[in-house]
Protein backbone atom coordinates (compact mmCIF):
# COMPACT_ATOMS: atom_id res chain seq x y z
CA UNK A 1 115.02 29.35 -27.52
CA UNK A 2 116.47 32.60 -25.65
CA UNK A 3 115.64 36.19 -26.46
CA UNK A 4 119.12 36.64 -28.00
CA UNK A 5 118.54 33.64 -30.51
CA UNK A 6 115.24 34.90 -31.71
CA UNK A 7 116.32 37.95 -32.00
CA UNK A 8 119.15 36.92 -34.15
CA UNK A 9 116.59 34.77 -36.16
CA UNK A 10 113.96 37.30 -36.67
CA UNK A 11 114.20 39.88 -39.62
CA UNK A 12 113.31 43.49 -38.79
CA UNK A 13 109.60 44.49 -39.72
CA UNK A 14 109.79 46.97 -41.93
CA UNK A 15 107.47 49.13 -43.97
CA UNK A 16 107.53 52.30 -46.37
CA UNK A 17 107.91 54.78 -43.74
CA UNK A 18 111.49 55.55 -42.40
CA UNK A 19 111.01 55.03 -38.75
CA UNK A 20 110.51 51.15 -39.42
CA UNK A 21 114.19 51.11 -40.23
CA UNK A 22 114.62 50.56 -36.65
CA UNK A 23 115.01 46.68 -36.01
CA UNK A 24 111.79 45.18 -34.04
CA UNK A 25 111.47 42.47 -31.68
CA UNK A 26 108.17 40.70 -30.28
CA UNK A 27 107.67 40.46 -27.14
CA UNK A 28 106.73 36.86 -25.96
CA UNK A 29 103.85 37.80 -23.37
CA UNK A 30 101.48 39.61 -26.44
CA UNK A 31 100.50 39.04 -29.67
CA UNK A 32 100.39 42.50 -30.11
CA UNK A 33 103.24 44.79 -32.37
CA UNK A 34 106.80 44.20 -31.77
CA UNK A 35 109.00 46.66 -29.63
CA UNK A 36 111.57 48.75 -31.85
CA UNK A 37 115.20 47.93 -30.41
CA UNK A 38 116.10 51.82 -29.91
CA UNK A 39 113.62 54.11 -27.81
CA UNK A 40 114.08 57.50 -26.92
CA UNK A 41 114.07 58.26 -23.59
CA UNK A 42 112.44 61.48 -21.92
CA UNK A 43 113.75 61.17 -18.27
CA UNK A 44 116.00 64.19 -17.41
CA UNK A 45 117.33 65.76 -14.28
CA UNK A 46 115.86 67.66 -12.54
CA UNK A 47 112.81 66.46 -13.69
CA UNK A 48 110.64 68.67 -15.59
CA UNK A 49 113.72 71.18 -16.17
CA UNK A 50 113.05 71.28 -20.12
CA UNK A 51 109.21 70.81 -19.68
CA UNK A 52 108.54 74.12 -22.02
CA UNK A 53 110.22 72.32 -24.82
CA UNK A 54 109.99 68.67 -24.35
CA UNK A 55 106.93 68.46 -27.03
CA UNK A 56 108.92 70.33 -29.46
CA UNK A 57 111.82 67.70 -28.65
CA UNK A 58 109.61 64.63 -29.25
CA UNK A 59 108.30 65.90 -32.28
CA UNK A 60 111.78 66.29 -33.91
CA UNK A 61 112.43 62.88 -32.60
CA UNK A 62 109.48 61.58 -34.65
CA UNK A 63 110.69 63.45 -37.76
CA UNK A 64 114.21 62.17 -37.81
CA UNK A 65 112.99 58.21 -37.03
CA UNK A 66 112.33 57.55 -33.50
CA UNK A 67 108.97 55.53 -32.85
CA UNK A 68 109.53 54.09 -29.48
CA UNK A 69 109.15 56.62 -26.49
CA UNK A 70 109.84 55.80 -22.89
CA UNK A 71 108.24 57.87 -20.18
CA UNK A 72 107.28 57.87 -16.34
CA UNK A 73 104.87 59.19 -13.99
CA UNK A 74 108.02 60.30 -12.16
CA UNK A 75 109.66 62.09 -14.99
CA UNK A 76 106.86 64.58 -15.55
CA UNK A 77 106.96 64.25 -19.42
CA UNK A 78 103.93 62.15 -19.99
CA UNK A 79 101.98 65.52 -20.75
CA UNK A 80 104.30 67.05 -23.28
CA UNK A 81 104.73 63.40 -24.98
CA UNK A 82 101.08 62.99 -25.34
CA UNK A 83 100.66 66.71 -26.91
CA UNK A 84 103.75 65.73 -29.31
CA UNK A 85 101.79 62.48 -30.27
CA UNK A 86 98.57 64.53 -30.93
CA UNK A 87 100.58 67.16 -33.09
CA UNK A 88 102.32 64.53 -34.87
CA UNK A 89 99.09 63.20 -36.09
CA UNK A 90 98.02 66.47 -36.79
CA UNK A 91 100.64 67.29 -39.03
CA UNK A 92 100.71 63.92 -40.33
CA UNK A 93 104.19 62.87 -39.42
CA UNK A 94 102.30 59.80 -38.50
CA UNK A 95 99.42 58.10 -39.85
CA UNK A 96 98.12 56.62 -36.45
CA UNK A 97 98.76 56.26 -33.01
CA UNK A 98 99.67 52.40 -33.54
CA UNK A 99 102.74 53.71 -35.37
CA UNK A 100 104.35 54.69 -32.18
CA UNK A 101 105.40 52.61 -29.13
CA UNK A 102 104.56 53.96 -25.81
CA UNK A 103 106.19 52.78 -22.37
CA UNK A 104 105.30 54.40 -19.09
CA UNK A 105 106.22 53.34 -15.42
CA UNK A 106 104.39 53.08 -12.05
CA UNK A 107 106.04 55.21 -9.45
CA UNK A 108 107.02 53.54 -5.98
CA UNK A 109 104.26 55.73 -4.32
CA UNK A 110 101.63 53.90 -6.56
CA UNK A 111 103.42 50.43 -6.15
CA UNK A 112 100.34 49.20 -3.88
CA UNK A 113 97.71 46.61 -5.53
CA UNK A 114 94.84 48.93 -5.13
CA UNK A 115 96.65 52.00 -6.64
CA UNK A 116 98.26 50.21 -9.84
CA UNK A 117 95.06 50.88 -12.13
CA UNK A 118 94.08 54.65 -10.99
CA UNK A 119 98.00 55.16 -11.79
CA UNK A 120 97.59 53.52 -15.04
CA UNK A 121 94.45 55.58 -15.85
CA UNK A 122 96.25 58.64 -14.67
CA UNK A 123 98.99 58.05 -17.15
CA UNK A 124 96.68 57.56 -19.93
CA UNK A 125 94.63 60.57 -19.29
CA UNK A 126 98.13 62.36 -19.14
CA UNK A 127 99.23 60.93 -22.79
CA UNK A 128 95.61 61.25 -24.32
CA UNK A 129 95.79 57.60 -25.27
CA UNK A 130 93.43 54.49 -24.87
CA UNK A 131 96.23 52.34 -24.02
CA UNK A 132 100.04 51.97 -23.63
CA UNK A 133 102.16 49.42 -25.32
CA UNK A 134 104.40 48.69 -22.37
CA UNK A 135 103.73 49.48 -18.56
CA UNK A 136 106.92 48.73 -15.96
CA UNK A 137 106.83 48.68 -12.32
CA UNK A 138 109.59 51.26 -11.82
CA UNK A 139 111.64 50.00 -9.05
CA UNK A 140 111.03 47.27 -6.45
CA UNK A 141 110.24 49.54 -4.00
CA UNK A 142 107.31 51.18 -2.20
CA UNK A 143 106.58 54.34 -0.63
CA UNK A 144 103.52 55.80 1.17
CA UNK A 145 101.21 56.59 -1.76
CA UNK A 146 101.08 60.64 -2.41
CA UNK A 147 104.17 62.15 -4.01
CA UNK A 148 106.31 61.30 -7.17
CA UNK A 149 109.65 62.17 -6.12
CA UNK A 150 113.47 61.23 -6.11
CA UNK A 151 115.15 61.16 -3.79
CA UNK A 152 112.12 59.78 -1.92
CA UNK A 153 111.73 60.41 1.95
CA UNK A 154 113.14 57.48 3.40
CA UNK A 155 110.45 57.59 6.45
CA UNK A 156 107.91 56.92 3.71
CA UNK A 157 109.63 53.59 2.49
CA UNK A 158 107.25 50.61 3.17
CA UNK A 159 107.76 46.83 2.22
CA UNK A 160 106.72 46.05 -1.48
CA UNK A 161 104.09 42.87 -1.96
CA UNK A 162 105.21 42.13 -5.38
CA UNK A 163 102.67 39.63 -5.68
CA UNK A 164 99.74 41.89 -5.46
CA UNK A 165 101.12 44.57 -7.32
CA UNK A 166 101.99 42.29 -10.18
CA UNK A 167 98.31 40.76 -10.10
CA UNK A 168 97.11 44.37 -10.68
CA UNK A 169 99.79 44.96 -13.48
CA UNK A 170 98.14 41.91 -14.87
CA UNK A 171 94.59 43.14 -14.51
CA UNK A 172 95.62 46.27 -16.28
CA UNK A 173 96.72 43.87 -19.44
CA UNK A 174 93.70 42.07 -19.26
CA UNK A 175 91.49 45.29 -19.50
CA UNK A 176 93.68 46.10 -22.80
CA UNK A 177 95.18 49.51 -21.12
CA UNK A 178 98.44 48.17 -21.61
CA UNK A 179 99.66 45.73 -24.33
CA UNK A 180 102.57 44.58 -22.20
CA UNK A 181 103.42 44.33 -18.62
CA UNK A 182 106.99 44.59 -17.33
CA UNK A 183 109.53 45.79 -14.47
CA UNK A 184 112.65 47.95 -14.26
CA UNK A 185 115.63 47.88 -11.88
CA UNK A 186 114.65 44.33 -10.61
CA UNK A 187 117.21 41.37 -9.79
CA UNK A 188 117.20 38.00 -10.75
CA UNK A 189 115.91 37.01 -7.30
CA UNK A 190 113.17 39.47 -7.36
CA UNK A 191 112.19 38.03 -11.14
CA UNK A 192 112.14 35.11 -9.59
CA UNK A 193 109.52 36.14 -6.96
CA UNK A 194 107.22 37.37 -9.63
CA UNK A 195 107.50 34.60 -11.99
CA UNK A 196 106.80 31.81 -9.40
CA UNK A 197 103.02 33.31 -9.18
CA UNK A 198 102.59 35.23 -12.24
CA UNK A 199 99.94 34.41 -14.95
CA UNK A 200 101.60 36.65 -17.28
CA UNK A 201 105.55 37.06 -17.17
CA UNK A 202 107.06 39.93 -17.14
CA UNK A 203 107.90 41.01 -20.99
CA UNK A 204 110.63 43.39 -20.35
CA UNK A 205 113.27 44.35 -17.47
CA UNK A 206 114.68 47.81 -17.78
CA UNK A 207 117.94 48.32 -16.36
CA UNK A 208 121.03 50.08 -16.17
CA UNK A 209 123.44 48.93 -18.97
CA UNK A 210 126.46 50.35 -20.58
CA UNK A 211 129.95 49.00 -21.49
CA UNK A 212 130.98 49.91 -17.91
CA UNK A 213 127.90 48.02 -16.45
CA UNK A 214 127.18 44.97 -18.30
CA UNK A 215 125.11 43.07 -16.25
CA UNK A 216 126.04 39.84 -17.85
CA UNK A 217 124.37 37.45 -14.75
CA UNK A 218 121.08 39.01 -15.34
CA UNK A 219 121.33 39.41 -19.15
CA UNK A 220 121.49 35.38 -19.13
CA UNK A 221 119.07 34.89 -16.68
CA UNK A 222 116.33 37.10 -18.69
CA UNK A 223 117.23 35.37 -21.69
CA UNK A 224 116.61 31.92 -20.16
CA UNK A 225 113.50 33.35 -19.21
CA UNK A 226 112.45 34.93 -22.45
CA UNK A 227 112.37 38.56 -20.73
CA UNK A 228 113.94 40.92 -23.00
CA UNK A 229 116.60 43.62 -21.36
CA UNK A 230 116.04 47.10 -22.01
CA UNK A 231 119.19 49.31 -21.62
CA UNK A 232 118.77 52.71 -19.94
CA UNK A 233 121.93 55.03 -19.20
CA UNK A 234 123.80 53.35 -22.16
CA UNK A 235 125.96 56.30 -22.38
CA UNK A 236 126.32 56.44 -18.50
CA UNK A 237 123.86 59.60 -17.84
CA UNK A 238 126.57 61.82 -16.95
CA UNK A 239 125.00 64.88 -15.07
CA UNK A 240 122.01 63.31 -13.95
CA UNK A 241 121.35 61.95 -10.36
CA UNK A 242 121.65 58.43 -11.52
CA UNK A 243 124.70 58.86 -13.92
CA UNK A 244 128.54 58.96 -14.24
CA UNK A 245 131.26 60.30 -16.39
CA UNK A 246 133.19 56.93 -16.72
CA UNK A 247 131.46 55.80 -19.99
CA UNK A 248 132.34 58.63 -21.82
CA UNK A 249 135.70 59.22 -20.22
CA UNK A 250 136.60 55.61 -21.08
CA UNK A 251 139.95 55.67 -23.57
CA UNK A 252 139.17 52.18 -24.58
CA UNK A 253 135.96 53.30 -26.21
CA UNK A 254 137.49 56.53 -27.48
CA UNK A 255 140.04 54.64 -29.23
CA UNK A 256 137.59 52.04 -30.86
CA UNK A 257 135.35 54.94 -31.97
CA UNK A 258 138.39 56.96 -33.50
CA UNK A 259 139.28 53.50 -35.40
CA UNK A 260 136.07 53.07 -36.54
CA UNK A 261 135.22 56.72 -37.71
CA UNK A 262 132.23 56.71 -35.13
CA UNK A 263 131.06 58.84 -32.15
CA UNK A 264 131.87 57.22 -28.80
CA UNK A 265 128.15 57.23 -28.22
CA UNK A 266 127.47 55.18 -31.28
CA UNK A 267 130.09 52.67 -30.32
CA UNK A 268 128.05 52.28 -27.14
CA UNK A 269 124.77 51.95 -28.49
CA UNK A 270 126.19 49.71 -31.29
CA UNK A 271 127.62 47.22 -28.55
CA UNK A 272 124.41 46.99 -26.35
CA UNK A 273 122.41 46.48 -29.51
CA UNK A 274 124.79 43.65 -30.08
CA UNK A 275 124.25 42.43 -26.78
CA UNK A 276 120.54 41.33 -27.75
CA UNK A 277 118.77 44.08 -26.04
CA UNK A 278 116.65 47.20 -26.64
CA UNK A 279 118.67 50.56 -26.19
CA UNK A 280 117.07 53.81 -24.67
CA UNK A 281 118.94 57.06 -26.17
CA UNK A 282 118.28 60.36 -24.96
CA UNK A 283 119.50 63.49 -26.67
CA UNK A 284 117.55 66.93 -26.93
CA UNK A 285 120.18 68.02 -30.14
CA UNK A 286 118.73 66.79 -33.49
CA UNK A 287 121.95 66.15 -34.98
CA UNK A 288 122.95 63.35 -32.05
CA UNK A 289 119.45 62.25 -32.32
CA UNK A 290 120.40 60.97 -36.04
CA UNK A 291 123.74 59.83 -35.25
CA UNK A 292 121.97 57.75 -32.13
CA UNK A 293 119.90 56.03 -35.04
CA UNK A 294 123.07 55.18 -37.13
CA UNK A 295 123.96 51.97 -35.36
CA UNK A 296 122.43 49.52 -37.68
CA UNK A 297 124.46 49.14 -40.88
CA UNK A 298 127.83 48.23 -39.32
CA UNK A 299 129.40 46.06 -36.86
CA UNK A 300 132.06 45.90 -33.84
CA UNK A 301 134.75 43.27 -34.76
CA UNK A 302 135.00 40.49 -32.29
CA UNK A 303 138.30 41.84 -31.23
CA UNK A 304 136.86 45.09 -30.22
CA UNK A 305 134.05 43.16 -28.69
CA UNK A 306 136.36 41.01 -26.62
CA UNK A 307 137.91 44.03 -25.58
CA UNK A 308 134.65 45.74 -24.29
CA UNK A 309 133.49 42.86 -22.28
CA UNK A 310 136.92 42.90 -20.36
CA UNK A 311 136.24 46.40 -18.89
CA UNK A 312 136.09 47.10 -15.17
CA UNK A 313 132.41 46.91 -14.19
CA UNK A 314 130.97 49.72 -11.68
CA UNK A 315 127.31 50.72 -11.50
CA UNK A 316 126.69 54.24 -11.96
CA UNK A 317 123.21 54.17 -9.72
CA UNK A 318 123.57 51.99 -6.89
CA UNK A 319 120.19 53.56 -5.34
CA UNK A 320 121.02 54.36 -1.95
CA UNK A 321 118.13 56.42 -1.88
CA UNK A 322 116.20 53.46 -1.22
CA UNK A 323 118.31 51.93 1.55
CA UNK A 324 117.40 52.78 5.32
CA UNK A 325 118.05 51.24 8.67
CA UNK A 326 114.22 51.48 9.39
CA UNK A 327 112.94 50.41 5.84
CA UNK A 328 112.35 47.34 4.11
CA UNK A 329 115.99 47.41 2.36
CA UNK A 330 118.51 47.89 5.10
CA UNK A 331 121.50 47.38 2.57
CA UNK A 332 122.44 47.59 -0.98
CA UNK A 333 123.06 43.79 -0.75
CA UNK A 334 119.55 43.48 0.02
CA UNK A 335 117.86 45.92 -2.74
CA UNK A 336 120.17 44.18 -5.63
CA UNK A 337 120.47 40.72 -4.11
CA UNK A 338 123.94 40.59 -4.11
CA UNK A 339 123.99 41.79 -7.99
CA UNK A 340 126.26 44.77 -7.48
């Protein structure tokens, strides 16, 4: 049974607390708690730009109903997220850490077999947590150990040994330091490379996905393999290094939003949710945080979905920063295996 069918057949796990009104989905590679299908992203650009206010923003997100938070070593938001979790417990916004689903990611400079476990331990220290719910390989890319930066220095690009890095990720799960493991920005071919030797298959592939970059081939592949897609940049991430304004300026999406009495953002998020994926949103405005949660009690019509499915496709972040004549990926074709 594929991911989307299972999602349609499984009912949301509900509890008396409001945050559990977000539907959840059980990840196939673990018997631990299910993943909430709407998460709160903490990436911004430049990284660390709102570091002083991030803790308060995350506390507000918990207050309005978010329980799934996505961070990464690169983002410089692990520490404020950890502080927010501590404060949320102290303020009794949550009863225990187990009420939250926390994801972080392994940066390219730590994408080496012997660096993975120390990197995760550093992430846990930053978050002041004993375990993650999900740990992802951020990119199928390695650079020389050291700096956490994007763009990376092209002279530091080195070949990634996916097999050994994944073995180290599996060790992290076996040790109980993360409940599930997965990847981000992986093509079908690179997923096949991991699956060919994996003892624990990736639970998640977090990728750019929105109405202007629908990832139909990758979604079909991941459905068949039992890998849940997580959508980042569901609104196009306008104003970031990895974003464009194409989604927010799309006339069709504006028309659908107006007809339904919803915001364009809500239409995009509902569309992604209806594709059977987990959606990561980011807004530091409390009212928009609430609006982004309000996507579960209405639907797009079949005709609206059909029109969205026919939109011209354009990838917002081709990631040319990881391509170099002297590096392991000499073209975007090699990086994305023709899926761009």
